[in-house]
Amino acid sequence: MKQIEILLADDNKLLRAEFRKVLEREADLKVVGEAKNGLEAVVLGKKLRPDVVLMDVAMPLLNGLQSTSQIIKAAPNTKVLILSAHSDEAYVIEAMNSGANGYLIKQTSASNVCAAIRKVHAGGAAFISSIPKRLHRPSSWTDRVKLHKKLGSKK
């Protein structure tokens, strides 16, 4: 059985280490790289071409949504699962527009994150449970402008 290769992209070193421990306890999951910022995530995504990228939204140099678009363009077979502290509708919509295959909040249990990785790898989608109802309301242009300002790269 081929392992699902995963790239971790989060600016928090401790979170990356914890995710690595959790994921590597699973026989079918293998962490092949770690990125500490969005730009590094793009470089490693292009180089390693992992099966799945577990991506944070708010990162320095390039945010996770911008990174997602670039990775998908360069490696179309790579799936991106956003794992973020933000559960706002606007973030989820922007993640979908960027090409993400799923969006979870960081409070998601380890077993659910692993299940979501498997699901997106198999071609499915994995979104936090509150999202489907909220996606029926289109976000306004004002919300999108506010989001882009809010997501501006960390310095």
N, C-alpha and C. Protein backbone atom coordinates (compact mmCIF):
# COMPACT_ATOMS: atom_id res chain seq x y z
N MET A 1 0.84 -1.19 0.00
CA MET A 1 0.00 0.00 0.00
C MET A 1 0.87 1.25 0.00
N LYS A 2 0.65 2.11 -0.98
CA LYS A 2 1.43 3.35 -1.07
C LYS A 2 0.94 4.34 -0.02
N GLN A 3 1.89 4.95 0.66
CA GLN A 3 1.53 5.95 1.66
C GLN A 3 1.11 7.25 0.98
N ILE A 4 0.23 8.00 1.64
CA ILE A 4 -0.17 9.32 1.18
C ILE A 4 0.91 10.29 1.64
N GLU A 5 1.56 10.95 0.69
CA GLU A 5 2.65 11.89 1.01
C GLU A 5 2.07 13.27 1.29
N ILE A 6 2.50 13.85 2.42
CA ILE A 6 1.92 15.10 2.92
C ILE A 6 3.00 16.15 3.13
N LEU A 7 2.69 17.37 2.70
CA LEU A 7 3.51 18.54 2.99
C LEU A 7 2.77 19.35 4.04
N LEU A 8 3.43 19.65 5.16
CA LEU A 8 2.86 20.50 6.21
C LEU A 8 3.29 21.94 5.98
N ALA A 9 2.32 22.85 5.96
CA ALA A 9 2.64 24.27 5.75
C ALA A 9 1.96 25.08 6.85
N ASP A 10 2.76 25.53 7.81
CA ASP A 10 2.27 26.33 8.93
C ASP A 10 3.45 27.10 9.49
N ASP A 11 3.23 28.36 9.84
CA ASP A 11 4.33 29.16 10.37
C ASP A 11 4.64 28.85 11.83
N ASN A 12 3.82 28.06 12.48
CA ASN A 12 4.05 27.69 13.88
C ASN A 12 4.81 26.36 13.94
N LYS A 13 6.06 26.44 14.36
CA LYS A 13 6.93 25.27 14.41
C LYS A 13 6.39 24.17 15.32
N LEU A 14 5.83 24.56 16.47
CA LEU A 14 5.29 23.57 17.40
C LEU A 14 4.09 22.84 16.80
N LEU A 15 3.23 23.57 16.10
CA LEU A 15 2.08 22.92 15.44
C LEU A 15 2.54 21.96 14.37
N ARG A 16 3.54 22.36 13.59
CA ARG A 16 4.07 21.44 12.56
C ARG A 16 4.58 20.17 13.21
N ALA A 17 5.31 20.30 14.31
CA ALA A 17 5.87 19.13 15.00
C ALA A 17 4.75 18.23 15.53
N GLU A 18 3.71 18.83 16.09
CA GLU A 18 2.59 18.03 16.60
C GLU A 18 1.85 17.33 15.47
N PHE A 19 1.62 18.03 14.37
CA PHE A 19 0.94 17.40 13.24
C PHE A 19 1.78 16.26 12.68
N ARG A 20 3.09 16.47 12.62
CA ARG A 20 3.97 15.40 12.13
C ARG A 20 3.81 14.15 13.00
N LYS A 21 3.83 14.33 14.32
CA LYS A 21 3.68 13.18 15.24
C LYS A 21 2.36 12.46 15.01
N VAL A 22 1.28 13.24 14.91
CA VAL A 22 -0.05 12.65 14.72
C VAL A 22 -0.13 11.90 13.40
N LEU A 23 0.33 12.52 12.33
CA LEU A 23 0.21 11.92 11.01
C LEU A 23 1.09 10.69 10.85
N GLU A 24 2.27 10.71 11.42
CA GLU A 24 3.18 9.59 11.24
C GLU A 24 2.83 8.38 12.10
N ARG A 25 1.84 8.53 12.98
CA ARG A 25 1.32 7.38 13.71
C ARG A 25 0.42 6.53 12.82
N GLU A 26 0.01 7.11 11.71
CA GLU A 26 -0.88 6.42 10.77
C GLU A 26 -0.04 5.71 9.72
N ALA A 27 -0.27 4.43 9.52
CA ALA A 27 0.55 3.63 8.59
C ALA A 27 0.48 4.13 7.15
N ASP A 28 -0.64 4.72 6.77
CA ASP A 28 -0.81 5.13 5.37
C ASP A 28 -0.48 6.60 5.11
N LEU A 29 -0.01 7.33 6.13
CA LEU A 29 0.32 8.75 5.97
C LEU A 29 1.81 8.99 6.22
N LYS A 30 2.41 9.81 5.37
CA LYS A 30 3.85 10.09 5.50
C LYS A 30 4.11 11.58 5.23
N VAL A 31 4.74 12.26 6.19
CA VAL A 31 5.10 13.66 6.00
C VAL A 31 6.41 13.70 5.22
N VAL A 32 6.38 14.37 4.06
CA VAL A 32 7.56 14.42 3.21
C VAL A 32 8.25 15.78 3.25
N GLY A 33 7.62 16.77 3.90
CA GLY A 33 8.23 18.08 3.99
C GLY A 33 7.45 19.01 4.88
N GLU A 34 8.13 20.09 5.29
CA GLU A 34 7.52 21.11 6.14
C GLU A 34 7.89 22.48 5.60
N ALA A 35 6.91 23.37 5.57
CA ALA A 35 7.14 24.75 5.12
C ALA A 35 6.73 25.69 6.25
N LYS A 36 7.57 26.70 6.51
CA LYS A 36 7.29 27.64 7.59
C LYS A 36 6.64 28.93 7.10
N ASN A 37 6.48 29.07 5.78
CA ASN A 37 5.80 30.23 5.23
C ASN A 37 5.19 29.85 3.88
N GLY A 38 4.36 30.74 3.35
CA GLY A 38 3.66 30.43 2.12
C GLY A 38 4.57 30.27 0.91
N LEU A 39 5.61 31.07 0.84
CA LEU A 39 6.54 30.98 -0.28
C LEU A 39 7.27 29.64 -0.27
N GLU A 40 7.70 29.22 0.90
CA GLU A 40 8.37 27.92 1.03
C GLU A 40 7.41 26.78 0.68
N ALA A 41 6.13 26.95 1.03
CA ALA A 41 5.13 25.93 0.69
C ALA A 41 5.02 25.76 -0.82
N VAL A 42 5.05 26.87 -1.55
CA VAL A 42 4.98 26.80 -3.02
C VAL A 42 6.22 26.11 -3.58
N VAL A 43 7.39 26.50 -3.10
CA VAL A 43 8.64 25.91 -3.59
C VAL A 43 8.65 24.40 -3.32
N LEU A 44 8.30 24.01 -2.09
CA LEU A 44 8.30 22.58 -1.74
C LEU A 44 7.17 21.82 -2.45
N GLY A 45 6.04 22.48 -2.63
CA GLY A 45 4.94 21.84 -3.35
C GLY A 45 5.32 21.51 -4.78
N LYS A 46 6.02 22.44 -5.43
CA LYS A 46 6.48 22.22 -6.81
C LYS A 46 7.56 21.14 -6.86
N LYS A 47 8.47 21.18 -5.89
CA LYS A 47 9.59 20.24 -5.88
C LYS A 47 9.17 18.82 -5.48
N LEU A 48 8.43 18.71 -4.38
CA LEU A 48 8.08 17.40 -3.82
C LEU A 48 6.84 16.78 -4.46
N ARG A 49 5.95 17.62 -4.96
CA ARG A 49 4.68 17.17 -5.54
C ARG A 49 3.99 16.15 -4.62
N PRO A 50 3.70 16.58 -3.39
CA PRO A 50 3.05 15.66 -2.44
C PRO A 50 1.63 15.34 -2.88
N ASP A 51 1.06 14.31 -2.30
CA ASP A 51 -0.33 13.97 -2.59
C ASP A 51 -1.27 15.01 -1.99
N VAL A 52 -0.94 15.45 -0.77
CA VAL A 52 -1.78 16.40 -0.04
C VAL A 52 -0.90 17.43 0.67
N VAL A 53 -1.34 18.70 0.63
CA VAL A 53 -0.70 19.75 1.42
C VAL A 53 -1.68 20.13 2.51
N LEU A 54 -1.22 20.09 3.77
CA LEU A 54 -2.01 20.55 4.90
C LEU A 54 -1.56 21.99 5.14
N MET A 55 -2.43 22.95 4.80
CA MET A 55 -2.04 24.36 4.67
C MET A 55 -2.74 25.27 5.67
N ASP A 56 -1.96 26.09 6.35
CA ASP A 56 -2.50 27.15 7.19
C ASP A 56 -2.87 28.33 6.28
N VAL A 57 -3.76 29.19 6.74
CA VAL A 57 -4.13 30.37 5.94
C VAL A 57 -3.18 31.53 6.20
N ALA A 58 -3.01 31.90 7.46
CA ALA A 58 -2.24 33.10 7.81
C ALA A 58 -0.77 32.75 8.01
N MET A 59 0.01 33.01 6.97
CA MET A 59 1.45 32.74 7.04
C MET A 59 2.21 33.92 6.45
N PRO A 60 3.47 34.07 6.84
CA PRO A 60 4.28 35.16 6.28
C PRO A 60 4.68 34.90 4.82
N LEU A 61 5.06 35.95 4.16
CA LEU A 61 5.57 36.01 2.79
C LEU A 61 4.51 35.77 1.72
N LEU A 62 3.63 34.82 1.95
CA LEU A 62 2.55 34.52 1.01
C LEU A 62 1.49 33.79 1.85
N ASN A 63 0.25 34.25 1.80
CA ASN A 63 -0.74 33.56 2.63
C ASN A 63 -1.11 32.20 2.03
N GLY A 64 -1.76 31.38 2.83
CA GLY A 64 -2.08 30.02 2.43
C GLY A 64 -2.99 29.92 1.22
N LEU A 65 -3.86 30.90 1.02
CA LEU A 65 -4.77 30.88 -0.12
C LEU A 65 -4.01 31.18 -1.42
N GLN A 66 -3.10 32.14 -1.35
CA GLN A 66 -2.25 32.43 -2.52
C GLN A 66 -1.35 31.24 -2.83
N SER A 67 -0.81 30.64 -1.78
CA SER A 67 0.06 29.47 -1.96
C SER A 67 -0.71 28.31 -2.59
N THR A 68 -1.94 28.12 -2.14
CA THR A 68 -2.78 27.04 -2.68
C THR A 68 -2.94 27.19 -4.19
N SER A 69 -3.29 28.39 -4.62
CA SER A 69 -3.47 28.63 -6.07
C SER A 69 -2.22 28.28 -6.85
N GLN A 70 -1.08 28.71 -6.34
CA GLN A 70 0.19 28.47 -7.05
C GLN A 70 0.57 26.99 -7.07
N ILE A 71 0.34 26.31 -5.96
CA ILE A 71 0.67 24.88 -5.90
C ILE A 71 -0.21 24.09 -6.86
N ILE A 72 -1.50 24.39 -6.85
CA ILE A 72 -2.45 23.66 -7.73
C ILE A 72 -2.10 23.90 -9.20
N LYS A 73 -1.69 25.12 -9.50
CA LYS A 73 -1.33 25.44 -10.89
C LYS A 73 -0.08 24.65 -11.32
N ALA A 74 0.90 24.54 -10.42
CA ALA A 74 2.16 23.87 -10.74
C ALA A 74 2.07 22.34 -10.61
N ALA A 75 1.24 21.88 -9.69
CA ALA A 75 1.12 20.43 -9.43
C ALA A 75 -0.36 20.08 -9.32
N PRO A 76 -1.06 19.99 -10.46
CA PRO A 76 -2.52 19.82 -10.44
C PRO A 76 -3.02 18.55 -9.76
N ASN A 77 -2.18 17.55 -9.59
CA ASN A 77 -2.60 16.33 -8.91
C ASN A 77 -2.51 16.44 -7.39
N THR A 78 -1.86 17.48 -6.90
CA THR A 78 -1.74 17.70 -5.46
C THR A 78 -3.05 18.27 -4.94
N LYS A 79 -3.51 17.73 -3.83
CA LYS A 79 -4.72 18.21 -3.17
C LYS A 79 -4.30 19.10 -2.01
N VAL A 80 -5.09 20.13 -1.73
CA VAL A 80 -4.79 21.02 -0.62
C VAL A 80 -5.94 21.01 0.37
N LEU A 81 -5.59 20.76 1.62
CA LEU A 81 -6.54 20.78 2.72
C LEU A 81 -6.13 21.92 3.64
N ILE A 82 -7.00 22.93 3.72
CA ILE A 82 -6.73 24.07 4.59
C ILE A 82 -7.06 23.69 6.02
N LEU A 83 -6.17 24.02 6.93
CA LEU A 83 -6.39 23.81 8.36
C LEU A 83 -6.10 25.15 9.03
N SER A 84 -7.15 25.84 9.45
CA SER A 84 -7.00 27.23 9.88
C SER A 84 -7.72 27.51 11.19
N ALA A 85 -7.30 28.58 11.84
CA ALA A 85 -7.99 29.05 13.03
C ALA A 85 -9.25 29.83 12.65
N HIS A 86 -9.37 30.22 11.39
CA HIS A 86 -10.49 31.04 10.92
C HIS A 86 -11.62 30.18 10.37
N SER A 87 -12.84 30.42 10.86
CA SER A 87 -13.99 29.69 10.33
C SER A 87 -14.96 30.61 9.61
N ASP A 88 -14.54 31.83 9.33
CA ASP A 88 -15.39 32.78 8.62
C ASP A 88 -15.73 32.28 7.22
N GLU A 89 -16.96 32.53 6.82
CA GLU A 89 -17.44 32.13 5.50
C GLU A 89 -16.53 32.64 4.39
N ALA A 90 -16.09 33.87 4.51
CA ALA A 90 -15.27 34.47 3.45
C ALA A 90 -13.97 33.70 3.25
N TYR A 91 -13.35 33.22 4.32
CA TYR A 91 -12.12 32.44 4.19
C TYR A 91 -12.39 31.14 3.45
N VAL A 92 -13.50 30.48 3.81
CA VAL A 92 -13.83 29.20 3.18
C VAL A 92 -14.09 29.38 1.69
N ILE A 93 -14.84 30.41 1.35
CA ILE A 93 -15.13 30.68 -0.07
C ILE A 93 -13.85 30.99 -0.82
N GLU A 94 -12.99 31.79 -0.25
CA GLU A 94 -11.72 32.10 -0.90
C GLU A 94 -10.85 30.86 -1.04
N ALA A 95 -10.89 29.99 -0.04
CA ALA A 95 -10.13 28.73 -0.12
C ALA A 95 -10.65 27.89 -1.29
N MET A 96 -11.96 27.81 -1.41
CA MET A 96 -12.54 27.05 -2.52
C MET A 96 -12.15 27.69 -3.86
N ASN A 97 -12.22 29.01 -3.93
CA ASN A 97 -11.84 29.71 -5.15
C ASN A 97 -10.36 29.52 -5.49
N SER A 98 -9.55 29.29 -4.47
CA SER A 98 -8.11 29.06 -4.67
C SER A 98 -7.81 27.65 -5.13
N GLY A 99 -8.81 26.77 -5.03
CA GLY A 99 -8.62 25.39 -5.47
C GLY A 99 -8.48 24.38 -4.35
N ALA A 100 -8.67 24.82 -3.10
CA ALA A 100 -8.56 23.89 -1.96
C ALA A 100 -9.63 22.82 -2.05
N ASN A 101 -9.28 21.62 -1.62
CA ASN A 101 -10.20 20.49 -1.63
C ASN A 101 -10.92 20.32 -0.30
N GLY A 102 -10.51 21.11 0.69
CA GLY A 102 -11.15 21.02 1.98
C GLY A 102 -10.73 22.16 2.88
N TYR A 103 -11.50 22.36 3.94
CA TYR A 103 -11.23 23.44 4.89
C TYR A 103 -11.70 22.98 6.26
N LEU A 104 -10.75 22.86 7.18
CA LEU A 104 -11.04 22.47 8.56
C LEU A 104 -10.50 23.53 9.50
N ILE A 105 -11.06 23.59 10.69
CA ILE A 105 -10.51 24.49 11.69
C ILE A 105 -9.52 23.72 12.55
N LYS A 106 -8.60 24.45 13.15
CA LYS A 106 -7.51 23.81 13.90
C LYS A 106 -7.99 23.05 15.13
N GLN A 107 -9.21 23.28 15.56
CA GLN A 107 -9.75 22.55 16.70
C GLN A 107 -10.27 21.17 16.29
N THR A 108 -10.20 20.83 15.01
CA THR A 108 -10.64 19.53 14.52
C THR A 108 -9.79 18.43 15.15
N SER A 109 -10.42 17.34 15.54
CA SER A 109 -9.69 16.24 16.18
C SER A 109 -8.68 15.63 15.22
N ALA A 110 -7.64 15.04 15.78
CA ALA A 110 -6.59 14.41 14.97
C ALA A 110 -7.16 13.33 14.06
N SER A 111 -8.09 12.54 14.58
CA SER A 111 -8.66 11.47 13.76
C SER A 111 -9.46 12.04 12.59
N ASN A 112 -10.14 13.16 12.80
CA ASN A 112 -10.89 13.78 11.71
C ASN A 112 -9.97 14.43 10.68
N VAL A 113 -8.83 14.98 11.12
CA VAL A 113 -7.87 15.53 10.17
C VAL A 113 -7.32 14.40 9.29
N CYS A 114 -6.97 13.29 9.91
CA CYS A 114 -6.45 12.14 9.14
C CYS A 114 -7.51 11.63 8.16
N ALA A 115 -8.75 11.55 8.61
CA ALA A 115 -9.84 11.11 7.73
C ALA A 115 -10.03 12.09 6.57
N ALA A 116 -9.91 13.37 6.85
CA ALA A 116 -10.06 14.39 5.80
C ALA A 116 -8.93 14.29 4.77
N ILE A 117 -7.72 14.02 5.24
CA ILE A 117 -6.59 13.85 4.32
C ILE A 117 -6.88 12.68 3.38
N ARG A 118 -7.34 11.59 3.94
CA ARG A 118 -7.66 10.42 3.11
C ARG A 118 -8.79 10.74 2.11
N LYS A 119 -9.77 11.48 2.58
CA LYS A 119 -10.91 11.81 1.73
C LYS A 119 -10.51 12.69 0.55
N VAL A 120 -9.73 13.75 0.81
CA VAL A 120 -9.33 14.62 -0.31
C VAL A 120 -8.36 13.90 -1.24
N HIS A 121 -7.52 13.04 -0.68
CA HIS A 121 -6.60 12.26 -1.51
C HIS A 121 -7.38 11.36 -2.47
N ALA A 122 -8.51 10.85 -2.01
CA ALA A 122 -9.34 9.96 -2.83
C ALA A 122 -10.22 10.73 -3.81
N GLY A 123 -10.12 12.06 -3.80
CA GLY A 123 -10.89 12.86 -4.74
C GLY A 123 -12.12 13.52 -4.17
N GLY A 124 -12.33 13.36 -2.87
CA GLY A 124 -13.48 13.98 -2.23
C GLY A 124 -13.16 15.36 -1.69
N ALA A 125 -14.10 15.91 -0.97
CA ALA A 125 -13.93 17.22 -0.34
C ALA A 125 -14.20 17.07 1.15
N ALA A 126 -13.54 17.89 1.95
CA ALA A 126 -13.71 17.83 3.40
C ALA A 126 -13.81 19.25 3.95
N PHE A 127 -15.01 19.60 4.40
CA PHE A 127 -15.22 20.94 4.94
C PHE A 127 -15.83 20.85 6.33
N ILE A 128 -15.57 21.87 7.15
CA ILE A 128 -16.16 21.89 8.49
C ILE A 128 -17.67 21.79 8.35
N SER A 129 -18.31 21.15 9.29
CA SER A 129 -19.73 20.81 9.18
C SER A 129 -20.65 22.02 9.03
N SER A 130 -20.26 23.17 9.51
CA SER A 130 -21.14 24.34 9.43
C SER A 130 -21.10 25.02 8.06
N ILE A 131 -20.23 24.58 7.19
CA ILE A 131 -20.04 25.27 5.92
C ILE A 131 -21.16 25.08 4.89
N PRO A 132 -21.67 23.90 4.63
CA PRO A 132 -22.63 23.76 3.54
C PRO A 132 -23.79 24.75 3.57
N LYS A 133 -24.42 24.97 4.72
CA LYS A 133 -25.54 25.92 4.80
C LYS A 133 -25.07 27.33 4.48
N ARG A 134 -23.92 27.71 5.00
CA ARG A 134 -23.44 29.08 4.84
C ARG A 134 -23.01 29.38 3.41
N LEU A 135 -22.67 28.36 2.63
CA LEU A 135 -22.25 28.60 1.25
C LEU A 135 -23.40 29.00 0.34
N HIS A 136 -24.62 28.85 0.80
CA HIS A 136 -25.76 29.25 -0.01
C HIS A 136 -25.88 30.77 -0.10
N ARG A 137 -25.25 31.48 0.82
CA ARG A 137 -25.27 32.95 0.79
C ARG A 137 -24.01 33.44 0.10
N PRO A 138 -24.13 34.14 -1.02
CA PRO A 138 -22.93 34.64 -1.69
C PRO A 138 -22.26 35.73 -0.86
N SER A 139 -20.96 35.74 -0.87
CA SER A 139 -20.26 36.80 -0.15
C SER A 139 -20.28 38.06 -1.01
N SER A 140 -20.38 39.18 -0.37
CA SER A 140 -20.42 40.44 -1.11
C SER A 140 -19.01 40.87 -1.48
N TRP A 141 -18.93 41.79 -2.44
CA TRP A 141 -17.62 42.31 -2.83
C TRP A 141 -16.97 43.03 -1.66
N THR A 142 -17.79 43.67 -0.83
CA THR A 142 -17.24 44.35 0.34
C THR A 142 -16.54 43.36 1.25
N ASP A 143 -17.17 42.20 1.47
CA ASP A 143 -16.56 41.16 2.31
C ASP A 143 -15.25 40.67 1.69
N ARG A 144 -15.24 40.52 0.36
CA ARG A 144 -14.02 40.05 -0.30
C ARG A 144 -12.89 41.07 -0.15
N VAL A 145 -13.20 42.35 -0.29
CA VAL A 145 -12.18 43.39 -0.14
C VAL A 145 -11.63 43.37 1.29
N LYS A 146 -12.54 43.26 2.27
CA LYS A 146 -12.10 43.20 3.67
C LYS A 146 -11.21 41.98 3.90
N LEU A 147 -11.59 40.84 3.31
CA LEU A 147 -10.81 39.62 3.47
C LEU A 147 -9.41 39.79 2.90
N HIS A 148 -9.31 40.33 1.69
CA HIS A 148 -7.99 40.50 1.07
C HIS A 148 -7.11 41.43 1.90
N LYS A 149 -7.70 42.47 2.47
CA LYS A 149 -6.91 43.36 3.35
C LYS A 149 -6.48 42.61 4.60
N LYS A 150 -7.42 41.82 5.16
CA LYS A 150 -7.13 41.07 6.38
C LYS A 150 -6.07 39.98 6.14
N LEU A 151 -6.07 39.39 4.94
CA LEU A 151 -5.15 38.32 4.63
C LEU A 151 -3.78 38.79 4.15
N GLY A 152 -3.61 40.09 4.00
CA GLY A 152 -2.32 40.59 3.54
C GLY A 152 -1.19 39.88 4.24
N SER A 153 -0.12 39.63 3.50
CA SER A 153 1.00 38.86 4.04
C SER A 153 1.49 39.44 5.36
N LYS A 154 1.80 38.54 6.29
CA LYS A 154 2.39 38.95 7.57
C LYS A 154 3.78 39.49 7.30
N LYS A 155 4.17 40.45 8.06
CA LYS A 155 5.53 41.01 7.90
C LYS A 155 6.47 40.35 8.86
